[in-house]
Amino acid sequence: MYKSIVKGIGHHVPPKIVTNKDLEKLMDTSDEWIQQRSGIQERRYVDEGVGNIEMSYAATQMALQRSNLKAQDIDLIILATLSPDYTFPGSACFLQEKLEIPNVPALDIRQQCTGFIYGVSIADQFIRTGMYKTVLVVGTEVHSTGLDFTTRGRDVAVLFGDGAACMILQQAPENFERGVLSTHLWADGRFAKDLWIQNPSSREHPRMKPEMFEDASWFPKMNGKKVFTMAVKKFPEAILTALKANNVTLNDIGLFIFHQANIRIVQAVCQGMGIPMEKTYNNIQKYGNTTAASIPLALSEAWEQGKIKENDLVCLSAFGSGFTWGSALIRW
């Protein structure tokens, strides 16, 4: 058995900034309402013709440079997204082609906001068994091309942004003190329709019908109250499970990285658990909810700003559509 050590992390966000004031021109909303509800001030949107592949490639290049590795060192690509560039094949295959590493296995996973933690867990298992030595885990999303920018869709549209980030995990000896200590995953499909996109669907014949454009069933729908309530309940459970599994306490954690869905959720969880907000890193105000990219984007920025140092314990936690949730504890 081996351990997984973090070799590098990187991120990329589109240059186009869309503020709350910009959205006021498209729908009946306000900067004050959005900030009070979510903490978001602005987000990034891709330009025409730019997708997950380009953003993932840029994030990977940053991670490779920071880790002194080459693309050819990568043994496996795991890419988490709910917004693939194409229905098939998976976006990981297109990223592999752009990285010029043919024959390297490429895997897409769809766990939405928990996608990056699921990806890290899968990568960690492959590395622990010795099957792969260097694994690229990517979280990437293009939300802006699939949102309802009318008053009808404002509750969801104001929350999401585009971006990509990644982590490179590499094999280290089992007795190595640093690395991924444990990952913990959950799901409850009873709540799948509380945050989902109904169409297009292979259950429909044909998958796309003209009336779908009229009924807005191809836009995301969210039961905000249910999502908030469940997130505030499941985040602490996921975090405490990770701490118990490694016999550490809240005070031992150097930094908590929450999925960046809503600053009010982070504040509620921290208040309930007694976690000082200073021990969290939050960038939702700049980027909105970037779903699978959210945690690695926050990680990359936090490391860049010197908020994560060698040997720090970093706790990741996420909750989202599915419902899925999870946690990971990493000794940096």
C-alpha atoms as a PDB file:
ATOM      1  CA  MET A   1       0.000   0.000   0.000  1.00  0.00           C
ATOM      2  CA  TYR A   2       1.094   3.540  -0.811  1.00  0.00           C
ATOM      3  CA  LYS A   3      -0.059   7.057   0.035  1.00  0.00           C
ATOM      4  CA  SER A   4      -1.095   9.953  -2.207  1.00  0.00           C
ATOM      5  CA  ILE A   5       0.844  13.190  -1.839  1.00  0.00           C
ATOM      6  CA  VAL A   6      -0.191  16.531  -3.364  1.00  0.00           C
ATOM      7  CA  LYS A   7       2.464  17.463  -5.915  1.00  0.00           C
ATOM      8  CA  GLY A   8       0.820  20.491  -7.468  1.00  0.00           C
ATOM      9  CA  ILE A   9      -2.386  22.470  -7.802  1.00  0.00           C
ATOM     10  CA  GLY A  10      -3.539  25.007 -10.386  1.00  0.00           C
ATOM     11  CA  HIS A  11      -6.529  27.003 -11.558  1.00  0.00           C
ATOM     12  CA  HIS A  12      -7.886  29.109 -14.379  1.00  0.00           C
ATOM     13  CA  VAL A  13     -10.844  31.472 -14.580  1.00  0.00           C
ATOM     14  CA  PRO A  14     -12.068  33.329 -17.677  1.00  0.00           C
ATOM     15  CA  PRO A  15     -11.069  37.007 -17.921  1.00  0.00           C
ATOM     16  CA  LYS A  16     -14.681  38.188 -18.396  1.00  0.00           C
ATOM     17  CA  ILE A  17     -16.064  39.555 -15.112  1.00  0.00           C
ATOM     18  CA  VAL A  18     -19.851  39.768 -14.687  1.00  0.00           C
ATOM     19  CA  THR A  19     -20.975  41.797 -11.681  1.00  0.00           C
ATOM     20  CA  ASN A  20     -24.290  41.820  -9.874  1.00  0.00           C
ATOM     21  CA  LYS A  21     -24.903  45.222 -11.448  1.00  0.00           C
ATOM     22  CA  ASP A  22     -24.529  43.603 -14.881  1.00  0.00           C
ATOM     23  CA  LEU A  23     -27.204  41.056 -13.984  1.00  0.00           C
ATOM     24  CA  GLU A  24     -29.548  43.835 -12.844  1.00  0.00           C
ATOM     25  CA  LYS A  25     -29.795  44.825 -16.516  1.00  0.00           C
ATOM     26  CA  LEU A  26     -31.029  41.328 -17.477  1.00  0.00           C
ATOM     27  CA  MET A  27     -33.497  40.455 -14.732  1.00  0.00           C
ATOM     28  CA  ASP A  28     -35.396  41.828 -11.766  1.00  0.00           C
ATOM     29  CA  THR A  29     -32.681  41.511  -9.128  1.00  0.00           C
ATOM     30  CA  SER A  30     -30.250  43.725  -7.202  1.00  0.00           C
ATOM     31  CA  ASP A  31     -26.688  43.692  -5.987  1.00  0.00           C
ATOM     32  CA  GLU A  32     -27.932  43.996  -2.395  1.00  0.00           C
ATOM     33  CA  TRP A  33     -30.342  41.036  -2.769  1.00  0.00           C
ATOM     34  CA  ILE A  34     -27.674  38.770  -4.297  1.00  0.00           C
ATOM     35  CA  GLN A  35     -25.044  39.627  -1.707  1.00  0.00           C
ATOM     36  CA  GLN A  36     -27.435  39.187   1.228  1.00  0.00           C
ATOM     37  CA  ARG A  37     -28.614  35.843  -0.134  1.00  0.00           C
ATOM     38  CA  SER A  38     -25.275  34.344  -1.170  1.00  0.00           C
ATOM     39  CA  GLY A  39     -22.292  36.637  -0.585  1.00  0.00           C
ATOM     40  CA  ILE A  40     -21.586  36.771  -4.335  1.00  0.00           C
ATOM     41  CA  GLN A  41     -20.431  40.076  -5.845  1.00  0.00           C
ATOM     42  CA  GLU A  42     -19.219  38.909  -9.253  1.00  0.00           C
ATOM     43  CA  ARG A  43     -18.473  35.792 -11.302  1.00  0.00           C
ATOM     44  CA  ARG A  44     -16.540  34.847 -14.452  1.00  0.00           C
ATOM     45  CA  TYR A  45     -18.068  33.795 -17.784  1.00  0.00           C
ATOM     46  CA  VAL A  46     -16.291  32.186 -20.736  1.00  0.00           C
ATOM     47  CA  ASP A  47     -16.155  33.893 -24.115  1.00  0.00           C
ATOM     48  CA  GLU A  48     -17.794  32.414 -27.194  1.00  0.00           C
ATOM     49  CA  GLY A  49     -16.024  29.227 -28.287  1.00  0.00           C
ATOM     50  CA  VAL A  50     -14.193  28.639 -24.995  1.00  0.00           C
ATOM     51  CA  GLY A  51     -15.099  25.575 -22.945  1.00  0.00           C
ATOM     52  CA  ASN A  52     -13.961  23.242 -20.202  1.00  0.00           C
ATOM     53  CA  ILE A  53     -11.142  21.834 -22.299  1.00  0.00           C
ATOM     54  CA  GLU A  54      -9.321  25.153 -22.659  1.00  0.00           C
ATOM     55  CA  MET A  55      -9.799  26.083 -18.993  1.00  0.00           C
ATOM     56  CA  SER A  56      -8.755  22.627 -17.755  1.00  0.00           C
ATOM     57  CA  TYR A  57      -5.646  22.740 -19.930  1.00  0.00           C
ATOM     58  CA  ALA A  58      -4.618  26.134 -18.544  1.00  0.00           C
ATOM     59  CA  ALA A  59      -5.184  24.965 -14.944  1.00  0.00           C
ATOM     60  CA  THR A  60      -3.184  21.794 -15.611  1.00  0.00           C
ATOM     61  CA  GLN A  61      -0.287  23.768 -17.060  1.00  0.00           C
ATOM     62  CA  MET A  62      -0.139  25.826 -13.859  1.00  0.00           C
ATOM     63  CA  ALA A  63      -0.180  22.682 -11.695  1.00  0.00           C
ATOM     64  CA  LEU A  64       2.541  21.027 -13.785  1.00  0.00           C
ATOM     65  CA  GLN A  65       4.749  24.103 -13.546  1.00  0.00           C
ATOM     66  CA  ARG A  66       4.282  24.355  -9.782  1.00  0.00           C
ATOM     67  CA  SER A  67       5.109  20.655  -9.296  1.00  0.00           C
ATOM     68  CA  ASN A  68       8.071  20.522 -11.722  1.00  0.00           C
ATOM     69  CA  LEU A  69       6.347  17.736 -13.647  1.00  0.00           C
ATOM     70  CA  LYS A  70       5.631  17.208 -17.346  1.00  0.00           C
ATOM     71  CA  ALA A  71       2.319  16.164 -18.868  1.00  0.00           C
ATOM     72  CA  GLN A  72       4.003  12.873 -19.809  1.00  0.00           C
ATOM     73  CA  ASP A  73       4.326  12.066 -16.085  1.00  0.00           C
ATOM     74  CA  ILE A  74       0.525  11.780 -15.761  1.00  0.00           C
ATOM     75  CA  ASP A  75      -0.764   8.172 -15.608  1.00  0.00           C
ATOM     76  CA  LEU A  76      -4.502   8.880 -15.272  1.00  0.00           C
ATOM     77  CA  ILE A  77      -6.884  11.812 -15.780  1.00  0.00           C
ATOM     78  CA  ILE A  78     -10.038  12.135 -13.667  1.00  0.00           C
ATOM     79  CA  LEU A  79     -12.255  15.051 -14.668  1.00  0.00           C
ATOM     80  CA  ALA A  80     -15.310  16.111 -12.685  1.00  0.00           C
ATOM     81  CA  THR A  81     -17.952  18.246 -14.395  1.00  0.00           C
ATOM     82  CA  LEU A  82     -21.716  18.596 -14.771  1.00  0.00           C
ATOM     83  CA  SER A  83     -21.243  20.681 -17.929  1.00  0.00           C
ATOM     84  CA  PRO A  84     -19.158  18.651 -20.391  1.00  0.00           C
ATOM     85  CA  ASP A  85     -18.274  20.349 -23.642  1.00  0.00           C
ATOM     86  CA  TYR A  86     -20.056  17.570 -25.528  1.00  0.00           C
ATOM     87  CA  THR A  87     -22.562  14.846 -24.652  1.00  0.00           C
ATOM     88  CA  PHE A  88     -19.914  12.303 -25.553  1.00  0.00           C
ATOM     89  CA  PRO A  89     -17.103  11.459 -25.448  1.00  0.00           C
ATOM     90  CA  GLY A  90     -16.083  12.714 -22.035  1.00  0.00           C
ATOM     91  CA  SER A  91     -14.194  15.970 -21.624  1.00  0.00           C
ATOM     92  CA  ALA A  92     -11.264  14.102 -20.051  1.00  0.00           C
ATOM     93  CA  CYS A  93     -10.497  12.572 -23.462  1.00  0.00           C
ATOM     94  CA  PHE A  94     -10.336  16.007 -25.084  1.00  0.00           C
ATOM     95  CA  LEU A  95      -8.070  17.244 -22.292  1.00  0.00           C
ATOM     96  CA  GLN A  96      -5.834  14.218 -22.788  1.00  0.00           C
ATOM     97  CA  GLU A  97      -5.560  15.023 -26.495  1.00  0.00           C
ATOM     98  CA  LYS A  98      -4.677  18.659 -25.757  1.00  0.00           C
ATOM     99  CA  LEU A  99      -2.021  17.562 -23.267  1.00  0.00           C
ATOM    100  CA  GLU A 100      -0.575  15.272 -25.974  1.00  0.00           C
ATOM    101  CA  ILE A 101      -0.488  12.174 -23.772  1.00  0.00           C
ATOM    102  CA  PRO A 102      -2.212   9.477 -25.885  1.00  0.00           C
ATOM    103  CA  ASN A 103      -3.079   6.125 -24.284  1.00  0.00           C
ATOM    104  CA  VAL A 104      -3.331   7.601 -20.789  1.00  0.00           C
ATOM    105  CA  PRO A 105      -6.739   6.574 -19.340  1.00  0.00           C
ATOM    106  CA  ALA A 106      -9.214   9.448 -19.083  1.00  0.00           C
ATOM    107  CA  LEU A 107     -12.292   9.330 -16.878  1.00  0.00           C
ATOM    108  CA  ASP A 108     -15.233  11.736 -16.474  1.00  0.00           C
ATOM    109  CA  ILE A 109     -17.285  11.681 -13.270  1.00  0.00           C
ATOM    110  CA  ARG A 110     -20.556  13.486 -12.541  1.00  0.00           C
ATOM    111  CA  GLN A 111     -20.976  14.264  -8.855  1.00  0.00           C
ATOM    112  CA  GLN A 112     -21.579  17.978  -9.334  1.00  0.00           C
ATOM    113  CA  CYS A 113     -20.539  20.058  -6.309  1.00  0.00           C
ATOM    114  CA  THR A 114     -18.949  17.027  -4.638  1.00  0.00           C
ATOM    115  CA  GLY A 115     -17.209  16.014  -7.854  1.00  0.00           C
ATOM    116  CA  PHE A 116     -13.710  17.075  -6.889  1.00  0.00           C
ATOM    117  CA  ILE A 117     -13.769  15.199  -3.561  1.00  0.00           C
ATOM    118  CA  TYR A 118     -15.103  12.101  -5.340  1.00  0.00           C
ATOM    119  CA  GLY A 119     -12.294  12.521  -7.881  1.00  0.00           C
ATOM    120  CA  VAL A 120      -9.632  12.803  -5.176  1.00  0.00           C
ATOM    121  CA  SER A 121     -11.044   9.696  -3.488  1.00  0.00           C
ATOM    122  CA  ILE A 122     -10.913   7.681  -6.719  1.00  0.00           C
ATOM    123  CA  ALA A 123      -7.385   8.883  -7.472  1.00  0.00           C
ATOM    124  CA  ASP A 124      -6.255   8.075  -3.943  1.00  0.00           C
ATOM    125  CA  GLN A 125      -7.541   4.497  -4.208  1.00  0.00           C
ATOM    126  CA  PHE A 126      -5.747   3.928  -7.513  1.00  0.00           C
ATOM    127  CA  ILE A 127      -2.505   5.281  -6.063  1.00  0.00           C
ATOM    128  CA  ARG A 128      -2.795   3.332  -2.804  1.00  0.00           C
ATOM    129  CA  THR A 129      -3.100   0.051  -4.695  1.00  0.00           C
ATOM    130  CA  GLY A 130      -0.136   0.901  -6.915  1.00  0.00           C
ATOM    131  CA  MET A 131      -2.115   0.884 -10.159  1.00  0.00           C
ATOM    132  CA  TYR A 132      -1.187   4.480 -11.022  1.00  0.00           C
ATOM    133  CA  LYS A 133       1.596   6.724  -9.700  1.00  0.00           C
ATOM    134  CA  THR A 134       0.627  10.212 -10.888  1.00  0.00           C
ATOM    135  CA  VAL A 135      -3.026  11.213 -11.249  1.00  0.00           C
ATOM    136  CA  LEU A 136      -4.484  14.497 -12.482  1.00  0.00           C
ATOM    137  CA  VAL A 137      -7.801  15.379 -10.832  1.00  0.00           C
ATOM    138  CA  VAL A 138      -9.705  18.232 -12.503  1.00  0.00           C
ATOM    139  CA  GLY A 139     -12.864  20.109 -11.570  1.00  0.00           C
ATOM    140  CA  THR A 140     -14.229  22.298 -14.345  1.00  0.00           C
ATOM    141  CA  GLU A 141     -17.516  23.987 -15.211  1.00  0.00           C
ATOM    142  CA  VAL A 142     -19.098  26.202 -17.851  1.00  0.00           C
ATOM    143  CA  HIS A 143     -22.402  27.304 -16.326  1.00  0.00           C
ATOM    144  CA  SER A 144     -22.920  30.567 -18.176  1.00  0.00           C
ATOM    145  CA  THR A 145     -24.154  28.987 -21.417  1.00  0.00           C
ATOM    146  CA  GLY A 146     -26.943  27.102 -19.624  1.00  0.00           C
ATOM    147  CA  LEU A 147     -28.558  29.629 -17.296  1.00  0.00           C
ATOM    148  CA  ASP A 148     -31.922  31.372 -17.555  1.00  0.00           C
ATOM    149  CA  PHE A 149     -31.036  35.073 -17.594  1.00  0.00           C
ATOM    150  CA  THR A 150     -34.603  36.249 -17.045  1.00  0.00           C
ATOM    151  CA  THR A 151     -36.502  37.097 -13.901  1.00  0.00           C
ATOM    152  CA  ARG A 152     -37.991  33.584 -14.080  1.00  0.00           C
ATOM    153  CA  GLY A 153     -34.556  32.032 -13.573  1.00  0.00           C
ATOM    154  CA  ARG A 154     -32.907  34.608 -11.331  1.00  0.00           C
ATOM    155  CA  ASP A 155     -32.830  32.475  -8.156  1.00  0.00           C
ATOM    156  CA  VAL A 156     -30.364  30.101  -9.818  1.00  0.00           C
ATOM    157  CA  ALA A 157     -28.742  32.212 -12.525  1.00  0.00           C
ATOM    158  CA  VAL A 158     -27.157  34.711 -10.128  1.00  0.00           C
ATOM    159  CA  LEU A 159     -25.332  31.959  -8.219  1.00  0.00           C
ATOM    160  CA  PHE A 160     -23.125  30.256 -10.798  1.00  0.00           C
ATOM    161  CA  GLY A 161     -19.902  31.040 -12.607  1.00  0.00           C
ATOM    162  CA  ASP A 162     -17.308  29.390 -14.853  1.00  0.00           C
ATOM    163  CA  GLY A 163     -13.838  28.144 -13.963  1.00  0.00           C
ATOM    164  CA  ALA A 164     -11.467  25.203 -13.703  1.00  0.00           C
ATOM    165  CA  ALA A 165      -8.909  23.969 -11.203  1.00  0.00           C
ATOM    166  CA  CYS A 166      -6.935  20.800 -10.625  1.00  0.00           C
ATOM    167  CA  MET A 167      -4.674  18.819  -8.327  1.00  0.00           C
ATOM    168  CA  ILE A 168      -1.865  16.423  -9.189  1.00  0.00           C
ATOM    169  CA  LEU A 169      -1.563  13.506  -6.755  1.00  0.00           C
ATOM    170  CA  GLN A 170       1.493  11.268  -6.748  1.00  0.00           C
ATOM    171  CA  GLN A 171       2.509   8.031  -5.080  1.00  0.00           C
ATOM    172  CA  ALA A 172       4.570   8.237  -1.885  1.00  0.00           C
ATOM    173  CA  PRO A 173       5.727   5.488   0.516  1.00  0.00           C
ATOM    174  CA  GLU A 174       3.115   4.303   3.026  1.00  0.00           C
ATOM    175  CA  ASN A 175       5.070   5.630   6.013  1.00  0.00           C
ATOM    176  CA  PHE A 176       5.241   9.093   4.439  1.00  0.00           C
ATOM    177  CA  GLU A 177       3.620  11.479   6.908  1.00  0.00           C
ATOM    178  CA  ARG A 178       2.079  13.915   4.438  1.00  0.00           C
ATOM    179  CA  GLY A 179      -0.610  13.353   1.796  1.00  0.00           C
ATOM    180  CA  VAL A 180      -4.255  12.303   1.590  1.00  0.00           C
ATOM    181  CA  LEU A 181      -5.108  10.819   4.978  1.00  0.00           C
ATOM    182  CA  SER A 182      -8.696   9.780   4.204  1.00  0.00           C
ATOM    183  CA  THR A 183     -11.732  10.519   2.045  1.00  0.00           C
ATOM    184  CA  HIS A 184     -15.391  10.011   2.910  1.00  0.00           C
ATOM    185  CA  LEU A 185     -18.286   9.919   0.435  1.00  0.00           C
ATOM    186  CA  TRP A 186     -22.080   9.848   0.685  1.00  0.00           C
ATOM    187  CA  ALA A 187     -25.167  10.203  -1.523  1.00  0.00           C
ATOM    188  CA  ASP A 188     -28.947  10.209  -1.093  1.00  0.00           C
ATOM    189  CA  GLY A 189     -30.881   9.970  -4.360  1.00  0.00           C
ATOM    190  CA  ARG A 190     -34.211  10.601  -2.629  1.00  0.00           C
ATOM    191  CA  PHE A 191     -33.432  14.303  -3.062  1.00  0.00           C
ATOM    192  CA  ALA A 192     -32.155  14.118  -6.638  1.00  0.00           C
ATOM    193  CA  LYS A 193     -34.894  16.359  -8.028  1.00  0.00           C
ATOM    194  CA  ASP A 194     -34.326  19.122  -5.475  1.00  0.00           C
ATOM    195  CA  LEU A 195     -31.391  20.322  -7.565  1.00  0.00           C
ATOM    196  CA  TRP A 196     -31.382  19.139 -11.166  1.00  0.00           C
ATOM    197  CA  ILE A 197     -31.865  19.758 -14.858  1.00  0.00           C
ATOM    198  CA  GLN A 198     -34.763  17.770 -16.268  1.00  0.00           C
ATOM    199  CA  ASN A 199     -34.051  18.062 -20.012  1.00  0.00           C
ATOM    200  CA  PRO A 200     -32.743  17.130 -22.476  1.00  0.00           C
ATOM    201  CA  SER A 201     -33.325  13.579 -21.328  1.00  0.00           C
ATOM    202  CA  SER A 202     -32.866  10.178 -22.969  1.00  0.00           C
ATOM    203  CA  ARG A 203     -36.208   9.302 -21.353  1.00  0.00           C
ATOM    204  CA  GLU A 204     -37.857  11.668 -23.843  1.00  0.00           C
ATOM    205  CA  HIS A 205     -38.579  10.693 -27.453  1.00  0.00           C
ATOM    206  CA  PRO A 206     -36.898  12.648 -28.974  1.00  0.00           C
ATOM    207  CA  ARG A 207     -34.562  14.004 -26.323  1.00  0.00           C
ATOM    208  CA  MET A 208     -35.188  17.612 -27.303  1.00  0.00           C
ATOM    209  CA  LYS A 209     -38.626  18.996 -28.174  1.00  0.00           C
ATOM    210  CA  PRO A 210     -39.621  22.563 -29.072  1.00  0.00           C
ATOM    211  CA  GLU A 211     -41.823  22.848 -25.972  1.00  0.00           C
ATOM    212  CA  MET A 212     -38.777  22.343 -23.735  1.00  0.00           C
ATOM    213  CA  PHE A 213     -37.575  25.794 -24.716  1.00  0.00           C
ATOM    214  CA  GLU A 214     -40.924  27.240 -23.670  1.00  0.00           C
ATOM    215  CA  ASP A 215     -41.287  25.401 -20.343  1.00  0.00           C
ATOM    216  CA  ALA A 216     -37.657  26.116 -19.353  1.00  0.00           C
ATOM    217  CA  SER A 217     -37.094  22.484 -18.377  1.00  0.00           C
ATOM    218  CA  TRP A 218     -33.572  22.608 -19.781  1.00  0.00           C
ATOM    219  CA  PHE A 219     -32.534  25.186 -17.179  1.00  0.00           C
ATOM    220  CA  PRO A 220     -31.376  24.147 -13.685  1.00  0.00           C
ATOM    221  CA  LYS A 221     -33.993  24.077 -10.921  1.00  0.00           C
ATOM    222  CA  MET A 222     -33.289  24.213  -7.204  1.00  0.00           C
ATOM    223  CA  ASN A 223     -35.251  23.825  -3.999  1.00  0.00           C
ATOM    224  CA  GLY A 224     -33.131  26.408  -2.220  1.00  0.00           C
ATOM    225  CA  LYS A 225     -34.573  25.878   1.246  1.00  0.00           C
ATOM    226  CA  LYS A 226     -34.028  22.115   1.111  1.00  0.00           C
ATOM    227  CA  VAL A 227     -30.478  22.476  -0.216  1.00  0.00           C
ATOM    228  CA  PHE A 228     -29.586  24.996   2.495  1.00  0.00           C
ATOM    229  CA  THR A 229     -31.065  22.912   5.304  1.00  0.00           C
ATOM    230  CA  MET A 230     -29.415  19.679   4.206  1.00  0.00           C
ATOM    231  CA  ALA A 231     -26.052  21.322   3.561  1.00  0.00           C
ATOM    232  CA  VAL A 232     -25.934  22.834   7.039  1.00  0.00           C
ATOM    233  CA  LYS A 233     -26.680  19.366   8.449  1.00  0.00           C
ATOM    234  CA  LYS A 234     -24.347  17.289   6.265  1.00  0.00           C
ATOM    235  CA  PHE A 235     -21.240  19.492   6.269  1.00  0.00           C
ATOM    236  CA  PRO A 236     -20.603  18.949  10.013  1.00  0.00           C
ATOM    237  CA  GLU A 237     -21.229  15.196   9.699  1.00  0.00           C
ATOM    238  CA  ALA A 238     -18.724  14.929   6.859  1.00  0.00           C
ATOM    239  CA  ILE A 239     -16.097  17.006   8.667  1.00  0.00           C
ATOM    240  CA  LEU A 240     -16.443  15.175  11.993  1.00  0.00           C
ATOM    241  CA  THR A 241     -16.207  11.806  10.224  1.00  0.00           C
ATOM    242  CA  ALA A 242     -12.875  12.836   8.689  1.00  0.00           C
ATOM    243  CA  LEU A 243     -11.560  14.079  12.027  1.00  0.00           C
ATOM    244  CA  LYS A 244     -12.607  10.932  13.882  1.00  0.00           C
ATOM    245  CA  ALA A 245     -11.078   8.674  11.228  1.00  0.00           C
ATOM    246  CA  ASN A 246      -7.713  10.345  11.784  1.00  0.00           C
ATOM    247  CA  ASN A 247      -7.941  10.950  15.535  1.00  0.00           C
ATOM    248  CA  VAL A 248      -7.607  14.731  15.233  1.00  0.00           C
ATOM    249  CA  THR A 249      -9.670  17.656  16.513  1.00  0.00           C
ATOM    250  CA  LEU A 250     -11.060  20.839  14.992  1.00  0.00           C
ATOM    251  CA  ASN A 251      -8.191  22.734  16.600  1.00  0.00           C
ATOM    252  CA  ASP A 252      -5.658  20.596  14.701  1.00  0.00           C
ATOM    253  CA  ILE A 253      -6.945  21.760  11.312  1.00  0.00           C
ATOM    254  CA  GLY A 254      -4.947  24.547   9.703  1.00  0.00           C
ATOM    255  CA  LEU A 255      -7.526  25.431   7.059  1.00  0.00           C
ATOM    256  CA  PHE A 256     -11.051  24.396   6.128  1.00  0.00           C
ATOM    257  CA  ILE A 257     -12.043  24.572   2.465  1.00  0.00           C
ATOM    258  CA  PHE A 258     -15.810  24.405   1.980  1.00  0.00           C
ATOM    259  CA  HIS A 259     -17.513  24.044  -1.367  1.00  0.00           C
ATOM    260  CA  GLN A 260     -18.280  27.619  -2.366  1.00  0.00           C
ATOM    261  CA  ALA A 261     -22.055  27.533  -2.857  1.00  0.00           C
ATOM    262  CA  ASN A 262     -23.253  30.174  -0.429  1.00  0.00           C
ATOM    263  CA  ILE A 263     -21.331  32.123   2.196  1.00  0.00           C
ATOM    264  CA  ARG A 264     -24.356  31.877   4.494  1.00  0.00           C
ATOM    265  CA  ILE A 265     -23.992  28.080   4.539  1.00  0.00           C
ATOM    266  CA  VAL A 266     -20.309  28.366   5.474  1.00  0.00           C
ATOM    267  CA  GLN A 267     -21.123  30.881   8.204  1.00  0.00           C
ATOM    268  CA  ALA A 268     -23.928  28.715   9.627  1.00  0.00           C
ATOM    269  CA  VAL A 269     -21.730  25.600   9.707  1.00  0.00           C
ATOM    270  CA  CYS A 270     -18.802  27.425  11.255  1.00  0.00           C
ATOM    271  CA  GLN A 271     -21.004  29.028  13.894  1.00  0.00           C
ATOM    272  CA  GLY A 272     -22.594  25.688  14.759  1.00  0.00           C
ATOM    273  CA  MET A 273     -19.261  23.851  14.984  1.00  0.00           C
ATOM    274  CA  GLY A 274     -17.224  26.607  16.588  1.00  0.00           C
ATOM    275  CA  ILE A 275     -14.879  27.026  13.612  1.00  0.00           C
ATOM    276  CA  PRO A 276     -13.427  30.554  13.354  1.00  0.00           C
ATOM    277  CA  MET A 277     -14.096  32.046   9.935  1.00  0.00           C
ATOM    278  CA  GLU A 278     -10.387  32.961   9.832  1.00  0.00           C
ATOM    279  CA  LYS A 279      -9.652  29.235   9.490  1.00  0.00           C
ATOM    280  CA  THR A 280     -11.656  29.068   6.245  1.00  0.00           C
ATOM    281  CA  TYR A 281     -10.797  30.320   2.778  1.00  0.00           C
ATOM    282  CA  ASN A 282     -13.671  31.720   0.736  1.00  0.00           C
ATOM    283  CA  ASN A 283     -13.685  33.182  -2.781  1.00  0.00           C
ATOM    284  CA  ILE A 284     -17.378  32.870  -3.661  1.00  0.00           C
ATOM    285  CA  GLN A 285     -17.600  36.660  -3.685  1.00  0.00           C
ATOM    286  CA  LYS A 286     -15.326  36.695  -6.773  1.00  0.00           C
ATOM    287  CA  TYR A 287     -16.411  33.581  -8.660  1.00  0.00           C
ATOM    288  CA  GLY A 288     -19.857  32.449  -7.532  1.00  0.00           C
ATOM    289  CA  ASN A 289     -20.534  28.730  -7.409  1.00  0.00           C
ATOM    290  CA  THR A 290     -18.198  26.955  -9.824  1.00  0.00           C
ATOM    291  CA  THR A 291     -19.475  23.523  -8.735  1.00  0.00           C
ATOM    292  CA  ALA A 292     -16.771  20.872  -9.337  1.00  0.00           C
ATOM    293  CA  ALA A 293     -14.111  23.573  -9.734  1.00  0.00           C
ATOM    294  CA  SER A 294     -15.026  25.282  -6.464  1.00  0.00           C
ATOM    295  CA  ILE A 295     -12.829  23.419  -3.943  1.00  0.00           C
ATOM    296  CA  PRO A 296      -9.648  23.131  -6.042  1.00  0.00           C
ATOM    297  CA  LEU A 297     -10.021  26.787  -7.086  1.00  0.00           C
ATOM    298  CA  ALA A 298     -10.144  27.835  -3.429  1.00  0.00           C
ATOM    299  CA  LEU A 299      -7.265  25.477  -2.602  1.00  0.00           C
ATOM    300  CA  SER A 300      -5.082  26.822  -5.388  1.00  0.00           C
ATOM    301  CA  GLU A 301      -5.659  30.433  -4.381  1.00  0.00           C
ATOM    302  CA  ALA A 302      -5.181  29.707  -0.674  1.00  0.00           C
ATOM    303  CA  TRP A 303      -1.856  27.973  -1.366  1.00  0.00           C
ATOM    304  CA  GLU A 304      -0.830  30.810  -3.685  1.00  0.00           C
ATOM    305  CA  GLN A 305      -1.489  33.342  -0.910  1.00  0.00           C
ATOM    306  CA  GLY A 306       0.549  31.387   1.642  1.00  0.00           C
ATOM    307  CA  LYS A 307      -2.450  30.290   3.683  1.00  0.00           C
ATOM    308  CA  ILE A 308      -1.442  26.614   3.318  1.00  0.00           C
ATOM    309  CA  LYS A 309       2.022  25.601   4.445  1.00  0.00           C
ATOM    310  CA  GLU A 310       3.886  22.308   4.481  1.00  0.00           C
ATOM    311  CA  ASN A 311       2.566  19.865   7.102  1.00  0.00           C
ATOM    312  CA  ASP A 312      -0.703  21.804   7.576  1.00  0.00           C
ATOM    313  CA  LEU A 313      -3.849  19.733   7.990  1.00  0.00           C
ATOM    314  CA  VAL A 314      -6.397  20.837   5.373  1.00  0.00           C
ATOM    315  CA  CYS A 315     -10.002  19.641   5.554  1.00  0.00           C
ATOM    316  CA  LEU A 316     -12.121  19.695   2.378  1.00  0.00           C
ATOM    317  CA  SER A 317     -15.894  19.327   2.479  1.00  0.00           C
ATOM    318  CA  ALA A 318     -18.651  19.588  -0.108  1.00  0.00           C
ATOM    319  CA  PHE A 319     -22.384  19.163  -0.524  1.00  0.00           C
ATOM    320  CA  GLY A 320     -24.470  19.346  -3.666  1.00  0.00           C
ATOM    321  CA  SER A 321     -26.796  17.890  -6.252  1.00  0.00           C
ATOM    322  CA  GLY A 322     -27.656  14.241  -5.984  1.00  0.00           C
ATOM    323  CA  PHE A 323     -27.703  14.873  -3.074  1.00  0.00           C
ATOM    324  CA  THR A 324     -24.020  14.018  -2.694  1.00  0.00           C
ATOM    325  CA  TRP A 325     -21.580  15.116  -0.031  1.00  0.00           C
ATOM    326  CA  GLY A 326     -18.130  14.238   1.171  1.00  0.00           C
ATOM    327  CA  SER A 327     -14.943  15.220   2.962  1.00  0.00           C
ATOM    328  CA  ALA A 328     -11.211  14.701   2.652  1.00  0.00           C
ATOM    329  CA  LEU A 329      -8.372  15.297   5.094  1.00  0.00           C
ATOM    330  CA  ILE A 330      -4.967  16.127   3.660  1.00  0.00           C
ATOM    331  CA  ARG A 331      -1.630  16.645   5.386  1.00  0.00           C
ATOM    332  CA  TRP A 332      -0.088  19.194   3.022  1.00  0.00           C
END
